[in-house]
């Protein structure tokens, strides 16, 4: 939910509290204090959730990069195995591949 509708709801609550305050000022002040405490907590939790979502996105990106690296390594290993098979086909099944220099 965006801040716009949330701000509108908060403004509506403030108007209702002001109206209630004309009839029961002490109760309205107490209710306003309770509401402000809840708003403060909600704002803090919303910020924390945003930070956690960003951390999850970063972790997902790292996992995707790791998966891509695994695929690349598997492809490289398959290519090397194919090269070894070709070398052995040309030089006999017991032939060892020359060492890289």
N, C-alpha and C. Protein backbone atom coordinates (compact mmCIF):
# COMPACT_ATOMS: atom_id res chain seq x y z
N UNK A 1 0.85 -1.18 0.00
CA UNK A 1 0.00 0.00 0.00
C UNK A 1 0.89 1.24 0.00
N UNK A 2 0.50 2.22 -0.74
CA UNK A 2 1.33 3.42 -0.86
C UNK A 2 1.06 4.37 0.31
N UNK A 3 1.93 5.34 0.43
CA UNK A 3 1.80 6.31 1.52
C UNK A 3 0.57 7.19 1.33
N UNK A 4 0.14 7.41 0.10
CA UNK A 4 -1.01 8.28 -0.15
C UNK A 4 -2.27 7.83 0.58
N UNK A 5 -2.76 6.62 0.32
CA UNK A 5 -3.97 6.17 1.03
C UNK A 5 -3.76 6.08 2.55
N UNK A 6 -2.57 5.69 2.96
CA UNK A 6 -2.29 5.60 4.40
C UNK A 6 -2.36 6.99 5.02
N UNK A 7 -1.78 7.99 4.35
CA UNK A 7 -1.84 9.36 4.85
C UNK A 7 -3.28 9.87 4.91
N UNK A 8 -4.06 9.48 3.92
CA UNK A 8 -5.48 9.89 3.91
C UNK A 8 -6.23 9.27 5.08
N UNK A 9 -6.00 7.99 5.33
CA UNK A 9 -6.66 7.34 6.48
C UNK A 9 -6.23 7.99 7.79
N UNK A 10 -4.95 8.30 7.89
CA UNK A 10 -4.47 8.94 9.12
C UNK A 10 -5.12 10.31 9.30
N UNK A 11 -5.25 11.04 8.22
CA UNK A 11 -5.90 12.35 8.30
C UNK A 11 -7.35 12.21 8.73
N UNK A 12 -8.03 11.20 8.22
CA UNK A 12 -9.42 10.96 8.62
C UNK A 12 -9.52 10.63 10.11
N UNK A 13 -8.59 9.82 10.60
CA UNK A 13 -8.57 9.49 12.03
C UNK A 13 -8.33 10.77 12.84
N UNK A 14 -7.45 11.62 12.38
CA UNK A 14 -7.18 12.88 13.09
C UNK A 14 -8.43 13.75 13.16
N UNK A 15 -9.18 13.80 12.07
CA UNK A 15 -10.42 14.58 12.06
C UNK A 15 -11.41 14.00 13.06
N UNK A 16 -11.56 12.69 13.05
CA UNK A 16 -12.48 12.05 13.99
C UNK A 16 -12.06 12.27 15.44
N UNK A 17 -10.76 12.21 15.69
CA UNK A 17 -10.26 12.47 17.04
C UNK A 17 -10.55 13.92 17.46
N UNK A 18 -10.39 14.85 16.53
CA UNK A 18 -10.67 16.25 16.85
C UNK A 18 -12.15 16.43 17.20
N UNK A 19 -13.01 15.79 16.44
CA UNK A 19 -14.45 15.86 16.74
C UNK A 19 -14.76 15.25 18.10
N UNK A 20 -14.16 14.09 18.36
CA UNK A 20 -14.38 13.41 19.63
C UNK A 20 -13.84 14.26 20.78
N UNK A 21 -12.73 14.96 20.52
CA UNK A 21 -12.11 15.79 21.54
C UNK A 21 -12.98 16.93 22.00
N UNK A 22 -13.90 17.39 21.18
CA UNK A 22 -14.81 18.46 21.58
C UNK A 22 -15.81 17.98 22.63
N UNK A 23 -16.09 16.69 22.63
CA UNK A 23 -17.07 16.13 23.56
C UNK A 23 -16.42 15.46 24.76
N UNK A 24 -15.25 14.92 24.57
CA UNK A 24 -14.55 14.21 25.64
C UNK A 24 -13.05 14.45 25.49
N UNK A 25 -12.60 15.64 25.90
CA UNK A 25 -11.20 16.01 25.66
C UNK A 25 -10.19 15.06 26.31
N UNK A 26 -10.41 14.64 27.51
CA UNK A 26 -9.44 13.78 28.20
C UNK A 26 -9.35 12.42 27.50
N UNK A 27 -10.50 11.85 27.17
CA UNK A 27 -10.51 10.56 26.49
C UNK A 27 -9.89 10.66 25.10
N UNK A 28 -10.18 11.76 24.41
CA UNK A 28 -9.62 11.96 23.07
C UNK A 28 -8.10 12.09 23.15
N UNK A 29 -7.59 12.78 24.15
CA UNK A 29 -6.14 12.93 24.29
C UNK A 29 -5.50 11.57 24.56
N UNK A 30 -6.14 10.77 25.41
CA UNK A 30 -5.62 9.43 25.70
C UNK A 30 -5.65 8.57 24.43
N UNK A 31 -6.75 8.62 23.71
CA UNK A 31 -6.88 7.85 22.48
C UNK A 31 -5.85 8.31 21.45
N UNK A 32 -5.63 9.61 21.35
CA UNK A 32 -4.63 10.14 20.41
C UNK A 32 -3.24 9.61 20.76
N UNK A 33 -2.91 9.57 22.05
CA UNK A 33 -1.60 9.06 22.47
C UNK A 33 -1.46 7.59 22.09
N UNK A 34 -2.49 6.81 22.28
CA UNK A 34 -2.45 5.40 21.90
C UNK A 34 -2.28 5.23 20.39
N UNK A 35 -3.02 6.03 19.65
CA UNK A 35 -2.95 5.95 18.19
C UNK A 35 -1.55 6.36 17.71
N UNK A 36 -0.99 7.40 18.29
CA UNK A 36 0.35 7.84 17.88
C UNK A 36 1.39 6.76 18.18
N UNK A 37 1.24 6.08 19.31
CA UNK A 37 2.18 4.99 19.63
C UNK A 37 2.06 3.88 18.58
N UNK A 38 0.84 3.55 18.19
CA UNK A 38 0.63 2.52 17.16
C UNK A 38 1.18 2.96 15.81
N UNK A 39 0.98 4.23 15.48
CA UNK A 39 1.51 4.75 14.21
C UNK A 39 3.03 4.67 14.19
N UNK A 40 3.64 5.05 15.30
CA UNK A 40 5.10 5.01 15.38
C UNK A 40 5.62 3.59 15.20
N UNK A 41 4.97 2.66 15.88
CA UNK A 41 5.38 1.25 15.74
C UNK A 41 5.16 0.76 14.31
N UNK A 42 4.02 1.10 13.72
CA UNK A 42 3.72 0.67 12.35
C UNK A 42 4.75 1.24 11.37
N UNK A 43 5.11 2.50 11.55
CA UNK A 43 6.11 3.12 10.67
C UNK A 43 7.46 2.41 10.80
N UNK A 44 7.85 2.09 12.04
CA UNK A 44 9.11 1.39 12.27
C UNK A 44 9.09 0.01 11.62
N UNK A 45 8.01 -0.72 11.81
CA UNK A 45 7.90 -2.06 11.22
C UNK A 45 7.89 -2.00 9.69
N UNK A 46 7.27 -0.98 9.15
CA UNK A 46 7.23 -0.82 7.69
C UNK A 46 8.64 -0.58 7.15
N UNK A 47 9.41 0.26 7.85
CA UNK A 47 10.81 0.50 7.42
C UNK A 47 11.64 -0.78 7.53
N UNK A 48 11.46 -1.50 8.64
CA UNK A 48 12.20 -2.74 8.83
C UNK A 48 11.83 -3.75 7.73
N UNK A 49 10.57 -3.85 7.40
CA UNK A 49 10.13 -4.78 6.36
C UNK A 49 10.75 -4.41 5.02
N UNK A 50 10.83 -3.12 4.74
CA UNK A 50 11.46 -2.68 3.51
C UNK A 50 12.92 -3.09 3.45
N UNK A 51 13.62 -2.96 4.57
CA UNK A 51 15.01 -3.38 4.61
C UNK A 51 15.16 -4.88 4.44
N UNK A 52 14.24 -5.63 5.03
CA UNK A 52 14.29 -7.09 4.90
C UNK A 52 13.99 -7.51 3.47
N UNK A 53 13.07 -6.83 2.82
CA UNK A 53 12.76 -7.15 1.43
C UNK A 53 13.97 -6.88 0.54
N UNK A 54 14.68 -5.80 0.82
CA UNK A 54 15.89 -5.50 0.04
C UNK A 54 16.95 -6.58 0.26
N UNK A 55 17.07 -7.03 1.51
CA UNK A 55 18.05 -8.09 1.80
C UNK A 55 17.67 -9.39 1.08
N UNK A 56 16.39 -9.69 1.03
CA UNK A 56 15.94 -10.89 0.32
C UNK A 56 16.25 -10.78 -1.17
N UNK A 57 16.00 -9.61 -1.75
CA UNK A 57 16.32 -9.42 -3.17
C UNK A 57 17.81 -9.61 -3.44
N UNK A 58 18.65 -9.07 -2.55
CA UNK A 58 20.10 -9.25 -2.73
C UNK A 58 20.47 -10.73 -2.62
N UNK A 59 19.88 -11.43 -1.67
CA UNK A 59 20.16 -12.87 -1.52
C UNK A 59 19.71 -13.63 -2.76
N UNK A 60 18.56 -13.27 -3.30
CA UNK A 60 18.07 -13.93 -4.52
C UNK A 60 19.02 -13.68 -5.68
N UNK A 61 19.56 -12.48 -5.77
CA UNK A 61 20.52 -12.17 -6.84
C UNK A 61 21.80 -12.99 -6.67
N UNK A 62 22.25 -13.14 -5.42
CA UNK A 62 23.45 -13.96 -5.18
C UNK A 62 23.20 -15.42 -5.54
N UNK A 63 22.03 -15.93 -5.19
CA UNK A 63 21.69 -17.32 -5.53
C UNK A 63 21.65 -17.49 -7.04
N UNK A 64 21.04 -16.55 -7.74
CA UNK A 64 20.98 -16.64 -9.20
C UNK A 64 22.37 -16.62 -9.81
N UNK A 65 23.25 -15.76 -9.27
CA UNK A 65 24.63 -15.71 -9.78
C UNK A 65 25.36 -17.02 -9.50
N UNK A 66 25.14 -17.58 -8.32
CA UNK A 66 25.79 -18.86 -7.98
C UNK A 66 25.28 -19.98 -8.88
N UNK A 67 23.98 -19.99 -9.14
CA UNK A 67 23.42 -21.01 -10.03
C UNK A 67 23.99 -20.87 -11.44
N UNK A 68 24.14 -19.64 -11.90
CA UNK A 68 24.73 -19.42 -13.23
C UNK A 68 26.18 -19.89 -13.26
N UNK A 69 26.92 -19.67 -12.18
CA UNK A 69 28.31 -20.12 -12.12
C UNK A 69 28.38 -21.65 -12.13
N UNK A 70 27.44 -22.29 -11.44
CA UNK A 70 27.41 -23.76 -11.43
C UNK A 70 27.15 -24.29 -12.83
N UNK A 71 26.18 -23.70 -13.53
CA UNK A 71 25.88 -24.12 -14.90
C UNK A 71 27.11 -23.94 -15.78
N UNK A 72 27.78 -22.81 -15.63
CA UNK A 72 28.98 -22.55 -16.44
C UNK A 72 30.07 -23.59 -16.13
N UNK A 73 30.26 -23.90 -14.85
CA UNK A 73 31.28 -24.89 -14.48
C UNK A 73 30.92 -26.27 -15.01
N UNK A 74 29.64 -26.62 -14.96
CA UNK A 74 29.20 -27.92 -15.50
C UNK A 74 29.42 -27.99 -17.00
N UNK A 75 29.14 -26.89 -17.70
CA UNK A 75 29.37 -26.85 -19.14
C UNK A 75 30.86 -26.97 -19.45
N UNK A 76 31.70 -26.31 -18.67
CA UNK A 76 33.14 -26.38 -18.87
C UNK A 76 33.63 -27.81 -18.62
N UNK A 77 33.13 -28.44 -17.57
CA UNK A 77 33.52 -29.82 -17.27
C UNK A 77 33.10 -30.76 -18.40
N UNK A 78 31.90 -30.56 -18.92
CA UNK A 78 31.44 -31.40 -20.03
C UNK A 78 32.30 -31.19 -21.27
N UNK A 79 32.71 -29.95 -21.52
CA UNK A 79 33.57 -29.66 -22.65
C UNK A 79 34.94 -30.33 -22.49
N UNK A 80 35.48 -30.28 -21.28
CA UNK A 80 36.77 -30.93 -21.03
C UNK A 80 36.66 -32.45 -21.16
N UNK A 81 35.56 -33.01 -20.69
CA UNK A 81 35.36 -34.45 -20.83
C UNK A 81 35.28 -34.84 -22.30
N UNK A 82 34.62 -34.03 -23.10
CA UNK A 82 34.52 -34.30 -24.53
C UNK A 82 35.90 -34.21 -25.18
N UNK A 83 36.68 -33.20 -24.80
CA UNK A 83 38.03 -33.07 -25.34
C UNK A 83 38.89 -34.28 -24.97
N UNK A 84 38.76 -34.76 -23.73
CA UNK A 84 39.51 -35.93 -23.29
C UNK A 84 39.08 -37.16 -24.08
N UNK A 85 37.78 -37.31 -24.30
CA UNK A 85 37.29 -38.45 -25.09
C UNK A 85 37.84 -38.40 -26.51
N UNK A 86 37.88 -37.22 -27.09
CA UNK A 86 38.43 -37.08 -28.45
C UNK A 86 39.93 -37.41 -28.46
N UNK A 87 40.64 -36.95 -27.46
CA UNK A 87 42.07 -37.24 -27.37
C UNK A 87 42.31 -38.74 -27.24
N UNK A 88 41.54 -39.39 -26.39
CA UNK A 88 41.69 -40.82 -26.19
C UNK A 88 41.29 -41.60 -27.45
N UNK A 89 40.28 -41.10 -28.17
CA UNK A 89 39.87 -41.76 -29.41
C UNK A 89 41.00 -41.69 -30.43
N UNK A 90 41.72 -40.61 -30.43
CA UNK A 90 42.81 -40.43 -31.38
C UNK A 90 44.09 -41.13 -30.93
N UNK A 91 44.28 -41.30 -29.61
CA UNK A 91 45.55 -41.81 -29.09
C UNK A 91 45.41 -43.12 -28.30
N UNK A 92 44.27 -43.72 -28.32
CA UNK A 92 44.06 -44.97 -27.60
C UNK A 92 43.36 -44.72 -26.27
N UNK A 93 42.59 -45.71 -25.81
CA UNK A 93 41.77 -45.53 -24.60
C UNK A 93 42.60 -45.34 -23.33
N UNK A 94 43.84 -45.81 -23.31
CA UNK A 94 44.66 -45.69 -22.11
C UNK A 94 45.51 -44.41 -22.11
N UNK A 95 45.41 -43.66 -23.19
CA UNK A 95 46.25 -42.46 -23.31
C UNK A 95 45.81 -41.41 -22.31
N UNK A 96 46.77 -40.78 -21.69
CA UNK A 96 46.50 -39.67 -20.79
C UNK A 96 46.58 -38.38 -21.57
N UNK A 97 45.78 -37.44 -21.22
CA UNK A 97 45.82 -36.15 -21.89
C UNK A 97 47.10 -35.44 -21.51
N UNK A 98 47.67 -34.69 -22.46
CA UNK A 98 48.87 -33.92 -22.11
C UNK A 98 48.53 -32.88 -21.06
N UNK A 99 49.49 -32.60 -20.22
CA UNK A 99 49.27 -31.60 -19.17
C UNK A 99 49.34 -30.21 -19.77
N UNK A 100 48.51 -29.38 -19.23
CA UNK A 100 48.53 -27.98 -19.68
C UNK A 100 49.78 -27.31 -19.15
N UNK A 101 50.33 -26.45 -19.97
CA UNK A 101 51.54 -25.73 -19.54
C UNK A 101 51.24 -24.30 -19.26
